Amino acid sequence: MVWRIEGLQTFLTAAEVDRLVDDSLDGTAVNELADKCGVRRATVSAHLTRRHLGRRRPWLGVDEAADAVRLQLVGVSIRSLARSMGLGRGDVRAALIEAKVRS
């Protein structure tokens, strides 16, 4: 059986991985790191995991969480909130649960 590979593989040098780790520690999102390095998001996550940097969940600041709560109470969906804040629905939902707005 022969498998066909659709794309080229990109390997990162040790220096590139070091930069990737530094940028991650500075707060750059995994998607941005992947675009910047020209690799897949999973590759970035694998390199960070190998360096013992666990997944970092985006969080909402106090003001953002307050806005999310206010908008949720007037009927704005979690999906719309997440899109407007550039976060995942799970992150917004977690903030609403923490604020005791959702269960």
PDB file of N, CA and C in Angstrom:
ATOM      1  N   MET A   1       0.850  -1.174   0.000  1.00  0.00           N
ATOM      2  CA  MET A   1       0.000   0.000   0.000  1.00  0.00           C
ATOM      3  C   MET A   1       0.898   1.240   0.000  1.00  0.00           C
ATOM      4  N   VAL A   2       0.560   2.211  -0.793  1.00  0.00           N
ATOM      5  CA  VAL A   2       1.337   3.440  -0.883  1.00  0.00           C
ATOM      6  C   VAL A   2       0.473   4.593  -0.406  1.00  0.00           C
ATOM      7  N   TRP A   3       1.048   5.394   0.493  1.00  0.00           N
ATOM      8  CA  TRP A   3       0.346   6.577   0.992  1.00  0.00           C
ATOM      9  C   TRP A   3       0.853   7.794   0.235  1.00  0.00           C
ATOM     10  N   ARG A   4      -0.031   8.678  -0.043  1.00  0.00           N
ATOM     11  CA  ARG A   4       0.337   9.884  -0.763  1.00  0.00           C
ATOM     12  C   ARG A   4       0.324  11.048   0.219  1.00  0.00           C
ATOM     13  N   ILE A   5       1.412  11.786   0.260  1.00  0.00           N
ATOM     14  CA  ILE A   5       1.501  12.954   1.140  1.00  0.00           C
ATOM     15  C   ILE A   5       1.147  14.174   0.309  1.00  0.00           C
ATOM     16  N   GLU A   6       0.193  14.927   0.808  1.00  0.00           N
ATOM     17  CA  GLU A   6      -0.307  16.082   0.057  1.00  0.00           C
ATOM     18  C   GLU A   6       0.579  17.318   0.166  1.00  0.00           C
ATOM     19  N   GLY A   7       1.236  17.512   1.288  1.00  0.00           N
ATOM     20  CA  GLY A   7       2.008  18.735   1.468  1.00  0.00           C
ATOM     21  C   GLY A   7       3.431  18.432   1.887  1.00  0.00           C
ATOM     22  N   LEU A   8       4.239  19.459   1.907  1.00  0.00           N
ATOM     23  CA  LEU A   8       5.610  19.318   2.345  1.00  0.00           C
ATOM     24  C   LEU A   8       5.680  19.448   3.857  1.00  0.00           C
ATOM     25  N   GLN A   9       6.613  18.721   4.447  1.00  0.00           N
ATOM     26  CA  GLN A   9       6.811  18.814   5.879  1.00  0.00           C
ATOM     27  C   GLN A   9       7.811  19.914   6.167  1.00  0.00           C
ATOM     28  N   THR A  10       7.549  20.686   7.195  1.00  0.00           N
ATOM     29  CA  THR A  10       8.466  21.740   7.592  1.00  0.00           C
ATOM     30  C   THR A  10       9.047  21.367   8.948  1.00  0.00           C
ATOM     31  N   PHE A  11      10.368  21.318   9.014  1.00  0.00           N
ATOM     32  CA  PHE A  11      11.043  21.009  10.265  1.00  0.00           C
ATOM     33  C   PHE A  11      11.613  22.291  10.837  1.00  0.00           C
ATOM     34  N   LEU A  12      11.499  22.446  12.140  1.00  0.00           N
ATOM     35  CA  LEU A  12      12.026  23.627  12.804  1.00  0.00           C
ATOM     36  C   LEU A  12      13.388  23.307  13.406  1.00  0.00           C
ATOM     37  N   THR A  13      14.297  24.256  13.306  1.00  0.00           N
ATOM     38  CA  THR A  13      15.603  24.095  13.938  1.00  0.00           C
ATOM     39  C   THR A  13      15.452  24.316  15.432  1.00  0.00           C
ATOM     40  N   ALA A  14      16.475  23.975  16.187  1.00  0.00           N
ATOM     41  CA  ALA A  14      16.449  24.179  17.640  1.00  0.00           C
ATOM     42  C   ALA A  14      16.272  25.661  17.970  1.00  0.00           C
ATOM     43  N   ALA A  15      16.925  26.529  17.203  1.00  0.00           N
ATOM     44  CA  ALA A  15      16.798  27.974  17.431  1.00  0.00           C
ATOM     45  C   ALA A  15      15.375  28.447  17.166  1.00  0.00           C
ATOM     46  N   GLU A  16      14.734  27.909  16.121  1.00  0.00           N
ATOM     47  CA  GLU A  16      13.350  28.284  15.816  1.00  0.00           C
ATOM     48  C   GLU A  16      12.409  27.811  16.920  1.00  0.00           C
ATOM     49  N   VAL A  17      12.654  26.628  17.455  1.00  0.00           N
ATOM     50  CA  VAL A  17      11.825  26.131  18.556  1.00  0.00           C
ATOM     51  C   VAL A  17      12.032  26.997  19.791  1.00  0.00           C
ATOM     52  N   ASP A  18      13.276  27.414  20.041  1.00  0.00           N
ATOM     53  CA  ASP A  18      13.552  28.308  21.177  1.00  0.00           C
ATOM     54  C   ASP A  18      12.773  29.616  21.037  1.00  0.00           C
ATOM     55  N   ARG A  19      12.767  30.177  19.815  1.00  0.00           N
ATOM     56  CA  ARG A  19      12.010  31.416  19.564  1.00  0.00           C
ATOM     57  C   ARG A  19      10.524  31.183  19.754  1.00  0.00           C
ATOM     58  N   LEU A  20      10.057  30.025  19.281  1.00  0.00           N
ATOM     59  CA  LEU A  20       8.650  29.670  19.413  1.00  0.00           C
ATOM     60  C   LEU A  20       8.259  29.614  20.898  1.00  0.00           C
ATOM     61  N   VAL A  21       9.095  28.993  21.705  1.00  0.00           N
ATOM     62  CA  VAL A  21       8.837  28.897  23.151  1.00  0.00           C
ATOM     63  C   VAL A  21       8.838  30.280  23.778  1.00  0.00           C
ATOM     64  N   ASP A  22       9.834  31.107  23.429  1.00  0.00           N
ATOM     65  CA  ASP A  22       9.895  32.464  23.974  1.00  0.00           C
ATOM     66  C   ASP A  22       8.650  33.267  23.616  1.00  0.00           C
ATOM     67  N   ASP A  23       8.222  33.168  22.344  1.00  0.00           N
ATOM     68  CA  ASP A  23       7.025  33.888  21.914  1.00  0.00           C
ATOM     69  C   ASP A  23       5.786  33.382  22.643  1.00  0.00           C
ATOM     70  N   SER A  24       5.729  32.082  22.874  1.00  0.00           N
ATOM     71  CA  SER A  24       4.598  31.512  23.608  1.00  0.00           C
ATOM     72  C   SER A  24       4.561  32.042  25.033  1.00  0.00           C
ATOM     73  N   LEU A  25       5.723  32.090  25.667  1.00  0.00           N
ATOM     74  CA  LEU A  25       5.791  32.614  27.037  1.00  0.00           C
ATOM     75  C   LEU A  25       5.430  34.094  27.090  1.00  0.00           C
ATOM     76  N   ASP A  26       5.653  34.810  25.982  1.00  0.00           N
ATOM     77  CA  ASP A  26       5.283  36.225  25.917  1.00  0.00           C
ATOM     78  C   ASP A  26       3.794  36.420  25.651  1.00  0.00           C
ATOM     79  N   GLY A  27       3.064  35.301  25.416  1.00  0.00           N
ATOM     80  CA  GLY A  27       1.622  35.397  25.261  1.00  0.00           C
ATOM     81  C   GLY A  27       1.094  35.240  23.844  1.00  0.00           C
ATOM     82  N   THR A  28       1.957  34.938  22.893  1.00  0.00           N
ATOM     83  CA  THR A  28       1.494  34.756  21.517  1.00  0.00           C
ATOM     84  C   THR A  28       0.673  33.477  21.415  1.00  0.00           C
ATOM     85  N   ALA A  29      -0.453  33.540  20.740  1.00  0.00           N
ATOM     86  CA  ALA A  29      -1.356  32.402  20.600  1.00  0.00           C
ATOM     87  C   ALA A  29      -0.750  31.329  19.699  1.00  0.00           C
ATOM     88  N   VAL A  30      -1.154  30.094  19.925  1.00  0.00           N
ATOM     89  CA  VAL A  30      -0.638  28.958  19.159  1.00  0.00           C
ATOM     90  C   VAL A  30      -0.913  29.138  17.667  1.00  0.00           C
ATOM     91  N   ASN A  31      -2.097  29.618  17.311  1.00  0.00           N
ATOM     92  CA  ASN A  31      -2.419  29.830  15.890  1.00  0.00           C
ATOM     93  C   ASN A  31      -1.470  30.842  15.248  1.00  0.00           C
ATOM     94  N   GLU A  32      -1.156  31.909  15.977  1.00  0.00           N
ATOM     95  CA  GLU A  32      -0.233  32.914  15.460  1.00  0.00           C
ATOM     96  C   GLU A  32       1.159  32.330  15.300  1.00  0.00           C
ATOM     97  N   LEU A  33       1.582  31.532  16.287  1.00  0.00           N
ATOM     98  CA  LEU A  33       2.898  30.908  16.217  1.00  0.00           C
ATOM     99  C   LEU A  33       2.986  29.977  15.005  1.00  0.00           C
ATOM    100  N   ALA A  34       1.928  29.225  14.767  1.00  0.00           N
ATOM    101  CA  ALA A  34       1.909  28.305  13.631  1.00  0.00           C
ATOM    102  C   ALA A  34       2.024  29.071  12.314  1.00  0.00           C
ATOM    103  N   ASP A  35       1.275  30.151  12.180  1.00  0.00           N
ATOM    104  CA  ASP A  35       1.349  30.963  10.961  1.00  0.00           C
ATOM    105  C   ASP A  35       2.738  31.560  10.777  1.00  0.00           C
ATOM    106  N   LYS A  36       3.291  32.057  11.875  1.00  0.00           N
ATOM    107  CA  LYS A  36       4.595  32.701  11.841  1.00  0.00           C
ATOM    108  C   LYS A  36       5.702  31.723  11.423  1.00  0.00           C
ATOM    109  N   CYS A  37       5.611  30.486  11.914  1.00  0.00           N
ATOM    110  CA  CYS A  37       6.648  29.481  11.631  1.00  0.00           C
ATOM    111  C   CYS A  37       6.360  28.666  10.372  1.00  0.00           C
ATOM    112  N   GLY A  38       5.156  28.786   9.844  1.00  0.00           N
ATOM    113  CA  GLY A  38       4.802  28.030   8.653  1.00  0.00           C
ATOM    114  C   GLY A  38       4.584  26.550   8.911  1.00  0.00           C
ATOM    115  N   VAL A  39       4.081  26.247  10.115  1.00  0.00           N
ATOM    116  CA  VAL A  39       3.801  24.851  10.481  1.00  0.00           C
ATOM    117  C   VAL A  39       2.359  24.748  10.961  1.00  0.00           C
ATOM    118  N   ARG A  40       1.925  23.531  11.213  1.00  0.00           N
ATOM    119  CA  ARG A  40       0.569  23.327  11.712  1.00  0.00           C
ATOM    120  C   ARG A  40       0.490  23.641  13.199  1.00  0.00           C
ATOM    121  N   ARG A  41      -0.720  23.927  13.644  1.00  0.00           N
ATOM    122  CA  ARG A  41      -0.965  24.222  15.050  1.00  0.00           C
ATOM    123  C   ARG A  41      -0.558  23.040  15.927  1.00  0.00           C
ATOM    124  N   ALA A  42      -0.830  21.843  15.447  1.00  0.00           N
ATOM    125  CA  ALA A  42      -0.483  20.639  16.209  1.00  0.00           C
ATOM    126  C   ALA A  42       1.031  20.516  16.393  1.00  0.00           C
ATOM    127  N   THR A  43       1.787  20.958  15.397  1.00  0.00           N
ATOM    128  CA  THR A  43       3.250  20.926  15.496  1.00  0.00           C
ATOM    129  C   THR A  43       3.724  21.876  16.583  1.00  0.00           C
ATOM    130  N   VAL A  44       3.151  23.061  16.622  1.00  0.00           N
ATOM    131  CA  VAL A  44       3.504  24.034  17.657  1.00  0.00           C
ATOM    132  C   VAL A  44       3.170  23.454  19.031  1.00  0.00           C
ATOM    133  N   SER A  45       1.981  22.898  19.172  1.00  0.00           N
ATOM    134  CA  SER A  45       1.573  22.315  20.450  1.00  0.00           C
ATOM    135  C   SER A  45       2.509  21.185  20.868  1.00  0.00           C
ATOM    136  N   ALA A  46       2.932  20.372  19.910  1.00  0.00           N
ATOM    137  CA  ALA A  46       3.844  19.263  20.215  1.00  0.00           C
ATOM    138  C   ALA A  46       5.189  19.788  20.719  1.00  0.00           C
ATOM    139  N   HIS A  47       5.712  20.831  20.066  1.00  0.00           N
ATOM    140  CA  HIS A  47       6.981  21.410  20.518  1.00  0.00           C
ATOM    141  C   HIS A  47       6.844  22.000  21.922  1.00  0.00           C
ATOM    142  N   LEU A  48       5.747  22.680  22.176  1.00  0.00           N
ATOM    143  CA  LEU A  48       5.544  23.274  23.503  1.00  0.00           C
ATOM    144  C   LEU A  48       5.381  22.193  24.571  1.00  0.00           C
ATOM    145  N   THR A  49       4.698  21.111  24.227  1.00  0.00           N
ATOM    146  CA  THR A  49       4.522  20.004  25.168  1.00  0.00           C
ATOM    147  C   THR A  49       5.871  19.365  25.477  1.00  0.00           C
ATOM    148  N   ARG A  50       6.714  19.190  24.455  1.00  0.00           N
ATOM    149  CA  ARG A  50       8.044  18.617  24.673  1.00  0.00           C
ATOM    150  C   ARG A  50       8.890  19.485  25.585  1.00  0.00           C
ATOM    151  N   ARG A  51       8.630  20.779  25.584  1.00  0.00           N
ATOM    152  CA  ARG A  51       9.362  21.709  26.454  1.00  0.00           C
ATOM    153  C   ARG A  51       8.651  21.891  27.798  1.00  0.00           C
ATOM    154  N   HIS A  52       7.666  21.040  28.063  1.00  0.00           N
ATOM    155  CA  HIS A  52       6.914  21.039  29.326  1.00  0.00           C
ATOM    156  C   HIS A  52       6.148  22.330  29.554  1.00  0.00           C
ATOM    157  N   LEU A  53       5.658  22.915  28.475  1.00  0.00           N
ATOM    158  CA  LEU A  53       4.778  24.076  28.580  1.00  0.00           C
ATOM    159  C   LEU A  53       3.377  23.591  28.264  1.00  0.00           C
ATOM    160  N   GLY A  54       2.576  23.409  29.280  1.00  0.00           N
ATOM    161  CA  GLY A  54       1.220  22.914  29.084  1.00  0.00           C
ATOM    162  C   GLY A  54       0.380  23.894  28.305  1.00  0.00           C
ATOM    163  N   ARG A  55      -0.811  23.449  27.965  1.00  0.00           N
ATOM    164  CA  ARG A  55      -1.729  24.320  27.234  1.00  0.00           C
ATOM    165  C   ARG A  55      -2.137  25.483  28.110  1.00  0.00           C
ATOM    166  N   ARG A  56      -2.149  26.622  27.501  1.00  0.00           N
ATOM    167  CA  ARG A  56      -2.534  27.838  28.204  1.00  0.00           C
ATOM    168  C   ARG A  56      -3.878  28.273  27.649  1.00  0.00           C
ATOM    169  N   ARG A  57      -4.870  28.316  28.510  1.00  0.00           N
ATOM    170  CA  ARG A  57      -6.189  28.736  28.057  1.00  0.00           C
ATOM    171  C   ARG A  57      -6.263  30.253  28.025  1.00  0.00           C
ATOM    172  N   PRO A  58      -6.813  30.788  26.951  1.00  0.00           N
ATOM    173  CA  PRO A  58      -7.035  32.231  26.953  1.00  0.00           C
ATOM    174  C   PRO A  58      -7.998  32.591  28.074  1.00  0.00           C
ATOM    175  N   TRP A  59      -7.853  33.717  28.640  1.00  0.00           N
ATOM    176  CA  TRP A  59      -8.724  34.104  29.741  1.00  0.00           C
ATOM    177  C   TRP A  59      -9.303  35.479  29.475  1.00  0.00           C
ATOM    178  N   LEU A  60     -10.364  35.735  30.159  1.00  0.00           N
ATOM    179  CA  LEU A  60     -11.013  37.029  30.044  1.00  0.00           C
ATOM    180  C   LEU A  60     -10.593  37.874  31.237  1.00  0.00           C
ATOM    181  N   GLY A  61     -10.254  39.105  30.965  1.00  0.00           N
ATOM    182  CA  GLY A  61      -9.966  40.027  32.044  1.00  0.00           C
ATOM    183  C   GLY A  61     -11.262  40.372  32.770  1.00  0.00           C
ATOM    184  N   VAL A  62     -11.156  41.079  33.858  1.00  0.00           N
ATOM    185  CA  VAL A  62     -12.328  41.431  34.658  1.00  0.00           C
ATOM    186  C   VAL A  62     -13.341  42.222  33.837  1.00  0.00           C
ATOM    187  N   ASP A  63     -12.845  43.200  33.076  1.00  0.00           N
ATOM    188  CA  ASP A  63     -13.755  44.022  32.267  1.00  0.00           C
ATOM    189  C   ASP A  63     -14.410  43.204  31.153  1.00  0.00           C
ATOM    190  N   GLU A  64     -13.617  42.332  30.505  1.00  0.00           N
ATOM    191  CA  GLU A  64     -14.167  41.498  29.435  1.00  0.00           C
ATOM    192  C   GLU A  64     -15.211  40.524  29.983  1.00  0.00           C
ATOM    193  N   ALA A  65     -14.932  39.952  31.152  1.00  0.00           N
ATOM    194  CA  ALA A  65     -15.888  39.024  31.765  1.00  0.00           C
ATOM    195  C   ALA A  65     -17.174  39.756  32.124  1.00  0.00           C
ATOM    196  N   ALA A  66     -17.052  40.979  32.634  1.00  0.00           N
ATOM    197  CA  ALA A  66     -18.231  41.769  32.977  1.00  0.00           C
ATOM    198  C   ALA A  66     -19.056  42.074  31.723  1.00  0.00           C
ATOM    199  N   ASP A  67     -18.377  42.411  30.634  1.00  0.00           N
ATOM    200  CA  ASP A  67     -19.080  42.657  29.364  1.00  0.00           C
ATOM    201  C   ASP A  67     -19.784  41.392  28.884  1.00  0.00           C
ATOM    202  N   ALA A  68     -19.092  40.250  28.981  1.00  0.00           N
ATOM    203  CA  ALA A  68     -19.687  38.985  28.557  1.00  0.00           C
ATOM    204  C   ALA A  68     -20.934  38.671  29.369  1.00  0.00           C
ATOM    205  N   VAL A  69     -20.868  38.886  30.667  1.00  0.00           N
ATOM    206  CA  VAL A  69     -22.023  38.633  31.534  1.00  0.00           C
ATOM    207  C   VAL A  69     -23.174  39.547  31.150  1.00  0.00           C
ATOM    208  N   ARG A  70     -22.883  40.840  30.989  1.00  0.00           N
ATOM    209  CA  ARG A  70     -23.932  41.817  30.641  1.00  0.00           C
ATOM    210  C   ARG A  70     -24.591  41.453  29.316  1.00  0.00           C
ATOM    211  N   LEU A  71     -23.775  41.106  28.318  1.00  0.00           N
ATOM    212  CA  LEU A  71     -24.318  40.772  27.005  1.00  0.00           C
ATOM    213  C   LEU A  71     -25.088  39.454  27.025  1.00  0.00           C
ATOM    214  N   GLN A  72     -24.614  38.499  27.802  1.00  0.00           N
ATOM    215  CA  GLN A  72     -25.327  37.217  27.921  1.00  0.00           C
ATOM    216  C   GLN A  72     -26.698  37.436  28.547  1.00  0.00           C
ATOM    217  N   LEU A  73     -26.777  38.300  29.538  1.00  0.00           N
ATOM    218  CA  LEU A  73     -28.054  38.549  30.217  1.00  0.00           C
ATOM    219  C   LEU A  73     -29.077  39.234  29.318  1.00  0.00           C
ATOM    220  N   VAL A  74     -28.613  39.949  28.277  1.00  0.00           N
ATOM    221  CA  VAL A  74     -29.560  40.573  27.350  1.00  0.00           C
ATOM    222  C   VAL A  74     -29.810  39.710  26.125  1.00  0.00           C
ATOM    223  N   GLY A  75     -29.247  38.481  26.131  1.00  0.00           N
ATOM    224  CA  GLY A  75     -29.593  37.533  25.086  1.00  0.00           C
ATOM    225  C   GLY A  75     -28.574  37.277  23.998  1.00  0.00           C
ATOM    226  N   VAL A  76     -27.380  37.821  24.101  1.00  0.00           N
ATOM    227  CA  VAL A  76     -26.353  37.563  23.092  1.00  0.00           C
ATOM    228  C   VAL A  76     -25.836  36.138  23.295  1.00  0.00           C
ATOM    229  N   SER A  77     -25.702  35.400  22.206  1.00  0.00           N
ATOM    230  CA  SER A  77     -25.275  34.000  22.308  1.00  0.00           C
ATOM    231  C   SER A  77     -23.798  33.895  22.662  1.00  0.00           C
ATOM    232  N   ILE A  78     -23.438  32.748  23.230  1.00  0.00           N
ATOM    233  CA  ILE A  78     -22.040  32.494  23.571  1.00  0.00           C
ATOM    234  C   ILE A  78     -21.188  32.496  22.306  1.00  0.00           C
ATOM    235  N   ARG A  79     -21.725  31.945  21.233  1.00  0.00           N
ATOM    236  CA  ARG A  79     -20.984  31.910  19.968  1.00  0.00           C
ATOM    237  C   ARG A  79     -20.654  33.325  19.505  1.00  0.00           C
ATOM    238  N   SER A  80     -21.626  34.221  19.566  1.00  0.00           N
ATOM    239  CA  SER A  80     -21.384  35.607  19.151  1.00  0.00           C
ATOM    240  C   SER A  80     -20.378  36.294  20.071  1.00  0.00           C
ATOM    241  N   LEU A  81     -20.505  36.032  21.366  1.00  0.00           N
ATOM    242  CA  LEU A  81     -19.554  36.605  22.322  1.00  0.00           C
ATOM    243  C   LEU A  81     -18.141  36.122  22.023  1.00  0.00           C
ATOM    244  N   ALA A  82     -18.008  34.820  21.799  1.00  0.00           N
ATOM    245  CA  ALA A  82     -16.686  34.238  21.538  1.00  0.00           C
ATOM    246  C   ALA A  82     -16.068  34.834  20.282  1.00  0.00           C
ATOM    247  N   ARG A  83     -16.864  34.950  19.226  1.00  0.00           N
ATOM    248  CA  ARG A  83     -16.350  35.529  17.979  1.00  0.00           C
ATOM    249  C   ARG A  83     -15.881  36.963  18.180  1.00  0.00           C
ATOM    250  N   SER A  84     -16.683  37.742  18.860  1.00  0.00           N
ATOM    251  CA  SER A  84     -16.337  39.154  19.030  1.00  0.00           C
ATOM    252  C   SER A  84     -15.114  39.336  19.925  1.00  0.00           C
ATOM    253  N   MET A  85     -14.876  38.384  20.836  1.00  0.00           N
ATOM    254  CA  MET A  85     -13.737  38.493  21.741  1.00  0.00           C
ATOM    255  C   MET A  85     -12.508  37.744  21.231  1.00  0.00           C
ATOM    256  N   GLY A  86     -12.672  37.000  20.145  1.00  0.00           N
ATOM    257  CA  GLY A  86     -11.554  36.247  19.606  1.00  0.00           C
ATOM    258  C   GLY A  86     -11.164  35.052  20.467  1.00  0.00           C
ATOM    259  N   LEU A  87     -12.138  34.476  21.163  1.00  0.00           N
ATOM    260  CA  LEU A  87     -11.907  33.334  22.039  1.00  0.00           C
ATOM    261  C   LEU A  87     -12.767  32.161  21.605  1.00  0.00           C
ATOM    262  N   GLY A  88     -12.513  31.021  22.219  1.00  0.00           N
ATOM    263  CA  GLY A  88     -13.344  29.858  21.991  1.00  0.00           C
ATOM    264  C   GLY A  88     -14.614  29.939  22.826  1.00  0.00           C
ATOM    265  N   ARG A  89     -15.650  29.239  22.370  1.00  0.00           N
ATOM    266  CA  ARG A  89     -16.911  29.239  23.128  1.00  0.00           C
ATOM    267  C   ARG A  89     -16.714  28.692  24.528  1.00  0.00           C
ATOM    268  N   GLY A  90     -15.861  27.677  24.665  1.00  0.00           N
ATOM    269  CA  GLY A  90     -15.612  27.080  25.975  1.00  0.00           C
ATOM    270  C   GLY A  90     -15.014  28.071  26.953  1.00  0.00           C
ATOM    271  N   ASP A  91     -14.154  28.954  26.462  1.00  0.00           N
ATOM    272  CA  ASP A  91     -13.534  29.951  27.331  1.00  0.00           C
ATOM    273  C   ASP A  91     -14.567  30.961  27.826  1.00  0.00           C
ATOM    274  N   VAL A  92     -15.439  31.387  26.920  1.00  0.00           N
ATOM    275  CA  VAL A  92     -16.489  32.337  27.307  1.00  0.00           C
ATOM    276  C   VAL A  92     -17.466  31.653  28.259  1.00  0.00           C
ATOM    277  N   ARG A  93     -17.832  30.430  27.945  1.00  0.00           N
ATOM    278  CA  ARG A  93     -18.755  29.677  28.807  1.00  0.00           C
ATOM    279  C   ARG A  93     -18.165  29.501  30.203  1.00  0.00           C
ATOM    280  N   ALA A  94     -16.862  29.196  30.279  1.00  0.00           N
ATOM    281  CA  ALA A  94     -16.206  29.029  31.582  1.00  0.00           C
ATOM    282  C   ALA A  94     -16.272  30.320  32.394  1.00  0.00           C
ATOM    283  N   ALA A  95     -16.084  31.460  31.720  1.00  0.00           N
ATOM    284  CA  ALA A  95     -16.169  32.746  32.422  1.00  0.00           C
ATOM    285  C   ALA A  95     -17.583  33.002  32.914  1.00  0.00           C
ATOM    286  N   LEU A  96     -18.591  32.628  32.117  1.00  0.00           N
ATOM    287  CA  LEU A  96     -19.979  32.821  32.534  1.00  0.00           C
ATOM    288  C   LEU A  96     -20.349  31.894  33.684  1.00  0.00           C
ATOM    289  N   ILE A  97     -19.826  30.676  33.665  1.00  0.00           N
ATOM    290  CA  ILE A  97     -20.081  29.754  34.773  1.00  0.00           C
ATOM    291  C   ILE A  97     -19.439  30.271  36.044  1.00  0.00           C
ATOM    292  N   GLU A  98     -18.212  30.779  35.917  1.00  0.00           N
ATOM    293  CA  GLU A  98     -17.511  31.327  37.078  1.00  0.00           C
ATOM    294  C   GLU A  98     -18.278  32.497  37.663  1.00  0.00           C
ATOM    295  N   ALA A  99     -18.931  33.279  36.790  1.00  0.00           N
ATOM    296  CA  ALA A  99     -19.717  34.429  37.253  1.00  0.00           C
ATOM    297  C   ALA A  99     -21.115  34.002  37.684  1.00  0.00           C
ATOM    298  N   LYS A 100     -21.387  32.692  37.648  1.00  0.00           N
ATOM    299  CA  LYS A 100     -22.680  32.114  38.071  1.00  0.00           C
ATOM    300  C   LYS A 100     -23.831  32.555  37.175  1.00  0.00           C
ATOM    301  N   VAL A 101     -23.546  32.827  35.902  1.00  0.00           N
ATOM    302  CA  VAL A 101     -24.584  33.197  34.948  1.00  0.00           C
ATOM    303  C   VAL A 101     -25.092  31.961  34.238  1.00  0.00           C
ATOM    304  N   ARG A 102     -24.208  30.973  34.023  1.00  0.00           N
ATOM    305  CA  ARG A 102     -24.575  29.730  33.328  1.00  0.00           C
ATOM    306  C   ARG A 102     -24.196  28.562  34.198  1.00  0.00           C
ATOM    307  N   SER A 103     -24.816  27.421  33.889  1.00  0.00           N
ATOM    308  CA  SER A 103     -24.444  26.207  34.636  1.00  0.00           C
ATOM    309  C   SER A 103     -23.901  25.164  33.693  1.00  0.00           C
TER     310      SER A 103
END
